[in-house]
Amino acid sequence: GDGREELVFWNTNVCKLFIAEIPE
């Protein structure tokens, strides 16, 4: 909800879900 898009992805080998802030 900060007005900027993020990237969400799985690392399926270790069953983790990540979110990454997109740099300028």
PDB file of all heavy atoms in Angstrom:
ATOM      1  N   GLY A   1       0.786  -1.231   0.000  1.00  0.00           N
ATOM      2  CA  GLY A   1       0.000   0.000   0.000  1.00  0.00           C
ATOM      3  C   GLY A   1       0.814   1.275   0.000  1.00  0.00           C
ATOM      4  O   GLY A   1       0.291   2.339   0.332  1.00  0.00           O
ATOM      5  N   ASP A   2       2.093   1.213  -0.422  1.00  0.00           N
ATOM      6  CA  ASP A   2       2.937   2.410  -0.412  1.00  0.00           C
ATOM      7  C   ASP A   2       2.931   3.165  -1.738  1.00  0.00           C
ATOM      8  O   ASP A   2       3.637   4.156  -1.895  1.00  0.00           O
ATOM      9  CB  ASP A   2       4.370   2.064  -0.001  1.00  0.00           C
ATOM     10  CG  ASP A   2       5.111   1.211  -1.025  1.00  0.00           C
ATOM     11  OD1 ASP A   2       4.516   0.822  -2.051  1.00  0.00           O
ATOM     12  OD2 ASP A   2       6.302   0.916  -0.790  1.00  0.00           O
ATOM     13  N   GLY A   3       2.129   2.702  -2.697  1.00  0.00           N
ATOM     14  CA  GLY A   3       2.049   3.376  -3.998  1.00  0.00           C
ATOM     15  C   GLY A   3       3.123   2.953  -4.989  1.00  0.00           C
ATOM     16  O   GLY A   3       3.146   3.451  -6.105  1.00  0.00           O
ATOM     17  N   ARG A   4       4.002   2.029  -4.594  1.00  0.00           N
ATOM     18  CA  ARG A   4       5.070   1.528  -5.476  1.00  0.00           C
ATOM     19  C   ARG A   4       4.949   0.012  -5.576  1.00  0.00           C
ATOM     20  O   ARG A   4       4.665  -0.658  -4.591  1.00  0.00           O
ATOM     21  CB  ARG A   4       6.438   1.892  -4.917  1.00  0.00           C
ATOM     22  CG  ARG A   4       6.639   3.418  -4.817  1.00  0.00           C
ATOM     23  CD  ARG A   4       8.063   3.783  -4.505  1.00  0.00           C
ATOM     24  NE  ARG A   4       8.910   3.268  -5.578  1.00  0.00           N
ATOM     25  CZ  ARG A   4      10.166   2.867  -5.410  1.00  0.00           C
ATOM     26  NH1 ARG A   4      10.716   2.908  -4.222  1.00  0.00           N
ATOM     27  NH2 ARG A   4      10.881   2.426  -6.413  1.00  0.00           N
ATOM     28  N   GLU A   5       5.203  -0.503  -6.768  1.00  0.00           N
ATOM     29  CA  GLU A   5       5.130  -1.947  -6.959  1.00  0.00           C
ATOM     30  C   GLU A   5       6.331  -2.664  -6.349  1.00  0.00           C
ATOM     31  O   GLU A   5       7.437  -2.119  -6.309  1.00  0.00           O
ATOM     32  CB  GLU A   5       5.023  -2.287  -8.445  1.00  0.00           C
ATOM     33  CG  GLU A   5       3.680  -1.928  -9.015  1.00  0.00           C
ATOM     34  CD  GLU A   5       3.357  -2.688 -10.280  1.00  0.00           C
ATOM     35  OE1 GLU A   5       4.253  -3.272 -10.908  1.00  0.00           O
ATOM     36  OE2 GLU A   5       2.169  -2.697 -10.636  1.00  0.00           O
ATOM     37  N   GLU A   6       6.081  -3.883  -5.881  1.00  0.00           N
ATOM     38  CA  GLU A   6       7.110  -4.785  -5.388  1.00  0.00           C
ATOM     39  C   GLU A   6       7.080  -6.050  -6.254  1.00  0.00           C
ATOM     40  O   GLU A   6       6.129  -6.280  -6.992  1.00  0.00           O
ATOM     41  CB  GLU A   6       6.848  -5.188  -3.925  1.00  0.00           C
ATOM     42  CG  GLU A   6       6.958  -4.074  -2.915  1.00  0.00           C
ATOM     43  CD  GLU A   6       5.687  -3.248  -2.783  1.00  0.00           C
ATOM     44  OE1 GLU A   6       4.587  -3.784  -2.919  1.00  0.00           O
ATOM     45  OE2 GLU A   6       5.819  -2.018  -2.552  1.00  0.00           O
ATOM     46  N   LEU A   7       8.110  -6.855  -6.130  1.00  0.00           N
ATOM     47  CA  LEU A   7       8.186  -8.153  -6.794  1.00  0.00           C
ATOM     48  C   LEU A   7       8.075  -9.235  -5.730  1.00  0.00           C
ATOM     49  O   LEU A   7       8.822  -9.220  -4.740  1.00  0.00           O
ATOM     50  CB  LEU A   7       9.515  -8.300  -7.542  1.00  0.00           C
ATOM     51  CG  LEU A   7       9.833  -9.697  -8.093  1.00  0.00           C
ATOM     52  CD1 LEU A   7       8.835 -10.088  -9.192  1.00  0.00           C
ATOM     53  CD2 LEU A   7      11.262  -9.743  -8.625  1.00  0.00           C
ATOM     54  N   VAL A   8       7.141 -10.169  -5.914  1.00  0.00           N
ATOM     55  CA  VAL A   8       6.978 -11.301  -5.008  1.00  0.00           C
ATOM     56  C   VAL A   8       7.334 -12.567  -5.782  1.00  0.00           C
ATOM     57  O   VAL A   8       6.953 -12.712  -6.947  1.00  0.00           O
ATOM     58  CB  VAL A   8       5.535 -11.373  -4.459  1.00  0.00           C
ATOM     59  CG1 VAL A   8       5.287 -12.669  -3.708  1.00  0.00           C
ATOM     60  CG2 VAL A   8       5.248 -10.180  -3.561  1.00  0.00           C
ATOM     61  N   PHE A   9       8.061 -13.486  -5.127  1.00  0.00           N
ATOM     62  CA  PHE A   9       8.430 -14.732  -5.795  1.00  0.00           C
ATOM     63  C   PHE A   9       8.680 -15.829  -4.773  1.00  0.00           C
ATOM     64  O   PHE A   9       8.973 -15.572  -3.613  1.00  0.00           O
ATOM     65  CB  PHE A   9       9.681 -14.538  -6.670  1.00  0.00           C
ATOM     66  CG  PHE A   9      10.908 -14.137  -5.911  1.00  0.00           C
ATOM     67  CD1 PHE A   9      11.800 -15.088  -5.443  1.00  0.00           C
ATOM     68  CD2 PHE A   9      11.177 -12.791  -5.650  1.00  0.00           C
ATOM     69  CE1 PHE A   9      12.939 -14.709  -4.734  1.00  0.00           C
ATOM     70  CE2 PHE A   9      12.312 -12.412  -4.946  1.00  0.00           C
ATOM     71  CZ  PHE A   9      13.196 -13.377  -4.485  1.00  0.00           C
ATOM     72  N   TRP A  10       8.550 -17.066  -5.237  1.00  0.00           N
ATOM     73  CA  TRP A  10       8.855 -18.245  -4.431  1.00  0.00           C
ATOM     74  C   TRP A  10      10.288 -18.694  -4.661  1.00  0.00           C
ATOM     75  O   TRP A  10      10.792 -18.613  -5.777  1.00  0.00           O
ATOM     76  CB  TRP A  10       7.978 -19.434  -4.848  1.00  0.00           C
ATOM     77  CG  TRP A  10       6.547 -19.364  -4.469  1.00  0.00           C
ATOM     78  CD1 TRP A  10       5.495 -19.097  -5.303  1.00  0.00           C
ATOM     79  CD2 TRP A  10       5.973 -19.613  -3.196  1.00  0.00           C
ATOM     80  NE1 TRP A  10       4.323 -19.156  -4.622  1.00  0.00           N
ATOM     81  CE2 TRP A  10       4.589 -19.478  -3.314  1.00  0.00           C
ATOM     82  CE3 TRP A  10       6.518 -19.935  -1.950  1.00  0.00           C
ATOM     83  CZ2 TRP A  10       3.725 -19.648  -2.243  1.00  0.00           C
ATOM     84  CZ3 TRP A  10       5.655 -20.113  -0.886  1.00  0.00           C
ATOM     85  CH2 TRP A  10       4.281 -19.973  -1.034  1.00  0.00           C
ATOM     86  N   ASN A  11      10.923 -19.221  -3.625  1.00  0.00           N
ATOM     87  CA  ASN A  11      12.084 -20.085  -3.786  1.00  0.00           C
ATOM     88  C   ASN A  11      11.566 -21.460  -3.395  1.00  0.00           C
ATOM     89  O   ASN A  11      11.385 -21.762  -2.210  1.00  0.00           O
ATOM     90  CB  ASN A  11      13.262 -19.690  -2.901  1.00  0.00           C
ATOM     91  CG  ASN A  11      14.440 -20.612  -3.128  1.00  0.00           C
ATOM     92  OD1 ASN A  11      14.314 -21.823  -2.965  1.00  0.00           O
ATOM     93  ND2 ASN A  11      15.562 -20.054  -3.514  1.00  0.00           N
ATOM     94  N   THR A  12      11.295 -22.283  -4.408  1.00  0.00           N
ATOM     95  CA  THR A  12      10.612 -23.552  -4.162  1.00  0.00           C
ATOM     96  C   THR A  12      11.495 -24.605  -3.515  1.00  0.00           C
ATOM     97  O   THR A  12      10.985 -25.526  -2.891  1.00  0.00           O
ATOM     98  CB  THR A  12      10.005 -24.102  -5.468  1.00  0.00           C
ATOM     99  OG1 THR A  12      11.039 -24.232  -6.442  1.00  0.00           O
ATOM    100  CG2 THR A  12       8.918 -23.196  -5.991  1.00  0.00           C
ATOM    101  N   ASN A  13      12.805 -24.490  -3.635  1.00  0.00           N
ATOM    102  CA  ASN A  13      13.693 -25.476  -2.994  1.00  0.00           C
ATOM    103  C   ASN A  13      13.601 -25.427  -1.481  1.00  0.00           C
ATOM    104  O   ASN A  13      13.757 -26.451  -0.813  1.00  0.00           O
ATOM    105  CB  ASN A  13      15.147 -25.266  -3.409  1.00  0.00           C
ATOM    106  CG  ASN A  13      15.428 -25.772  -4.803  1.00  0.00           C
ATOM    107  OD1 ASN A  13      14.601 -26.421  -5.425  1.00  0.00           O
ATOM    108  ND2 ASN A  13      16.603 -25.459  -5.302  1.00  0.00           N
ATOM    109  N   VAL A  14      13.385 -24.243  -0.919  1.00  0.00           N
ATOM    110  CA  VAL A  14      13.357 -24.092   0.537  1.00  0.00           C
ATOM    111  C   VAL A  14      11.988 -23.627   1.053  1.00  0.00           C
ATOM    112  O   VAL A  14      11.848 -23.300   2.231  1.00  0.00           O
ATOM    113  CB  VAL A  14      14.470 -23.132   1.018  1.00  0.00           C
ATOM    114  CG1 VAL A  14      15.840 -23.754   0.788  1.00  0.00           C
ATOM    115  CG2 VAL A  14      14.362 -21.781   0.336  1.00  0.00           C
ATOM    116  N   CYS A  15      10.980 -23.612   0.167  1.00  0.00           N
ATOM    117  CA  CYS A  15       9.597 -23.273   0.533  1.00  0.00           C
ATOM    118  C   CYS A  15       9.471 -21.889   1.163  1.00  0.00           C
ATOM    119  O   CYS A  15       8.779 -21.704   2.165  1.00  0.00           O
ATOM    120  CB  CYS A  15       9.006 -24.329   1.454  1.00  0.00           C
ATOM    121  SG  CYS A  15       8.914 -25.953   0.690  1.00  0.00           S
ATOM    122  N   LYS A  16      10.154 -20.911   0.580  1.00  0.00           N
ATOM    123  CA  LYS A  16      10.098 -19.540   1.089  1.00  0.00           C
ATOM    124  C   LYS A  16       9.442 -18.617   0.068  1.00  0.00           C
ATOM    125  O   LYS A  16       9.684 -18.732  -1.132  1.00  0.00           O
ATOM    126  CB  LYS A  16      11.505 -19.023   1.384  1.00  0.00           C
ATOM    127  CG  LYS A  16      12.195 -19.707   2.535  1.00  0.00           C
ATOM    128  CD  LYS A  16      13.570 -19.117   2.780  1.00  0.00           C
ATOM    129  CE  LYS A  16      14.263 -19.797   3.944  1.00  0.00           C
ATOM    130  NZ  LYS A  16      15.588 -19.194   4.200  1.00  0.00           N
ATOM    131  N   LEU A  17       8.639 -17.693   0.574  1.00  0.00           N
ATOM    132  CA  LEU A  17       8.031 -16.648  -0.245  1.00  0.00           C
ATOM    133  C   LEU A  17       8.696 -15.329   0.118  1.00  0.00           C
ATOM    134  O   LEU A  17       8.773 -14.972   1.294  1.00  0.00           O
ATOM    135  CB  LEU A  17       6.523 -16.563   0.008  1.00  0.00           C
ATOM    136  CG  LEU A  17       5.753 -15.573  -0.861  1.00  0.00           C
ATOM    137  CD1 LEU A  17       5.787 -15.991  -2.336  1.00  0.00           C
ATOM    138  CD2 LEU A  17       4.309 -15.468  -0.381  1.00  0.00           C
ATOM    139  N   PHE A  18       9.194 -14.613  -0.895  1.00  0.00           N
ATOM    140  CA  PHE A  18       9.922 -13.364  -0.700  1.00  0.00           C
ATOM    141  C   PHE A  18       9.204 -12.192  -1.352  1.00  0.00           C
ATOM    142  O   PHE A  18       8.474 -12.365  -2.334  1.00  0.00           O
ATOM    143  CB  PHE A  18      11.315 -13.451  -1.339  1.00  0.00           C
ATOM    144  CG  PHE A  18      12.263 -14.379  -0.653  1.00  0.00           C
ATOM    145  CD1 PHE A  18      12.460 -15.659  -1.123  1.00  0.00           C
ATOM    146  CD2 PHE A  18      12.982 -13.958   0.463  1.00  0.00           C
ATOM    147  CE1 PHE A  18      13.350 -16.515  -0.500  1.00  0.00           C
ATOM    148  CE2 PHE A  18      13.870 -14.804   1.089  1.00  0.00           C
ATOM    149  CZ  PHE A  18      14.059 -16.091   0.604  1.00  0.00           C
ATOM    150  N   ILE A  19       9.473 -10.991  -0.833  1.00  0.00           N
ATOM    151  CA  ILE A  19       9.060  -9.749  -1.460  1.00  0.00           C
ATOM    152  C   ILE A  19      10.300  -8.872  -1.600  1.00  0.00           C
ATOM    153  O   ILE A  19      11.136  -8.810  -0.698  1.00  0.00           O
ATOM    154  CB  ILE A  19       7.948  -9.033  -0.659  1.00  0.00           C
ATOM    155  CG1 ILE A  19       7.395  -7.849  -1.453  1.00  0.00           C
ATOM    156  CG2 ILE A  19       8.420  -8.626   0.724  1.00  0.00           C
ATOM    157  CD1 ILE A  19       6.066  -7.323  -0.933  1.00  0.00           C
ATOM    158  N   ALA A  20      10.424  -8.236  -2.759  1.00  0.00           N
ATOM    159  CA  ALA A  20      11.577  -7.379  -3.030  1.00  0.00           C
ATOM    160  C   ALA A  20      11.087  -5.988  -3.402  1.00  0.00           C
ATOM    161  O   ALA A  20      10.201  -5.834  -4.251  1.00  0.00           O
ATOM    162  CB  ALA A  20      12.411  -7.957  -4.170  1.00  0.00           C
ATOM    163  N   GLU A  21      11.659  -4.989  -2.750  1.00  0.00           N
ATOM    164  CA  GLU A  21      11.407  -3.601  -3.121  1.00  0.00           C
ATOM    165  C   GLU A  21      12.179  -3.323  -4.411  1.00  0.00           C
ATOM    166  O   GLU A  21      13.349  -3.692  -4.527  1.00  0.00           O
ATOM    167  CB  GLU A  21      11.881  -2.654  -2.019  1.00  0.00           C
ATOM    168  CG  GLU A  21      11.183  -2.852  -0.688  1.00  0.00           C
ATOM    169  CD  GLU A  21       9.724  -2.431  -0.690  1.00  0.00           C
ATOM    170  OE1 GLU A  21       9.331  -1.604  -1.548  1.00  0.00           O
ATOM    171  OE2 GLU A  21       8.977  -2.917   0.160  1.00  0.00           O
ATOM    172  N   ILE A  22      11.544  -2.701  -5.367  1.00  0.00           N
ATOM    173  CA  ILE A  22      12.189  -2.429  -6.655  1.00  0.00           C
ATOM    174  C   ILE A  22      12.962  -1.121  -6.544  1.00  0.00           C
ATOM    175  O   ILE A  22      12.388  -0.079  -6.220  1.00  0.00           O
ATOM    176  CB  ILE A  22      11.146  -2.359  -7.786  1.00  0.00           C
ATOM    177  CG1 ILE A  22      10.379  -3.695  -7.839  1.00  0.00           C
ATOM    178  CG2 ILE A  22      11.826  -2.054  -9.117  1.00  0.00           C
ATOM    179  CD1 ILE A  22       9.176  -3.681  -8.746  1.00  0.00           C
ATOM    180  N   PRO A  23      14.267  -1.158  -6.809  1.00  0.00           N
ATOM    181  CA  PRO A  23      15.078   0.062  -6.698  1.00  0.00           C
ATOM    182  C   PRO A  23      14.701   1.087  -7.761  1.00  0.00           C
ATOM    183  O   PRO A  23      14.097   0.758  -8.782  1.00  0.00           O
ATOM    184  CB  PRO A  23      16.511  -0.419  -6.910  1.00  0.00           C
ATOM    185  CG  PRO A  23      16.471  -1.891  -6.970  1.00  0.00           C
ATOM    186  CD  PRO A  23      15.066  -2.319  -7.168  1.00  0.00           C
ATOM    187  N   GLU A  24      15.088   2.337  -7.524  1.00  0.00           N
ATOM    188  CA  GLU A  24      14.838   3.410  -8.492  1.00  0.00           C
ATOM    189  C   GLU A  24      15.423   3.070  -9.857  1.00  0.00           C
ATOM    190  O   GLU A  24      14.811   3.333 -10.879  1.00  0.00           O
ATOM    191  CB  GLU A  24      15.429   4.738  -7.986  1.00  0.00           C
ATOM    192  CG  GLU A  24      14.708   5.311  -6.789  1.00  0.00           C
ATOM    193  CD  GLU A  24      13.284   5.745  -7.113  1.00  0.00           C
ATOM    194  OE1 GLU A  24      13.027   6.211  -8.238  1.00  0.00           O
ATOM    195  OE2 GLU A  24      12.432   5.584  -6.227  1.00  0.00           O
TER     196      GLU A  24
END
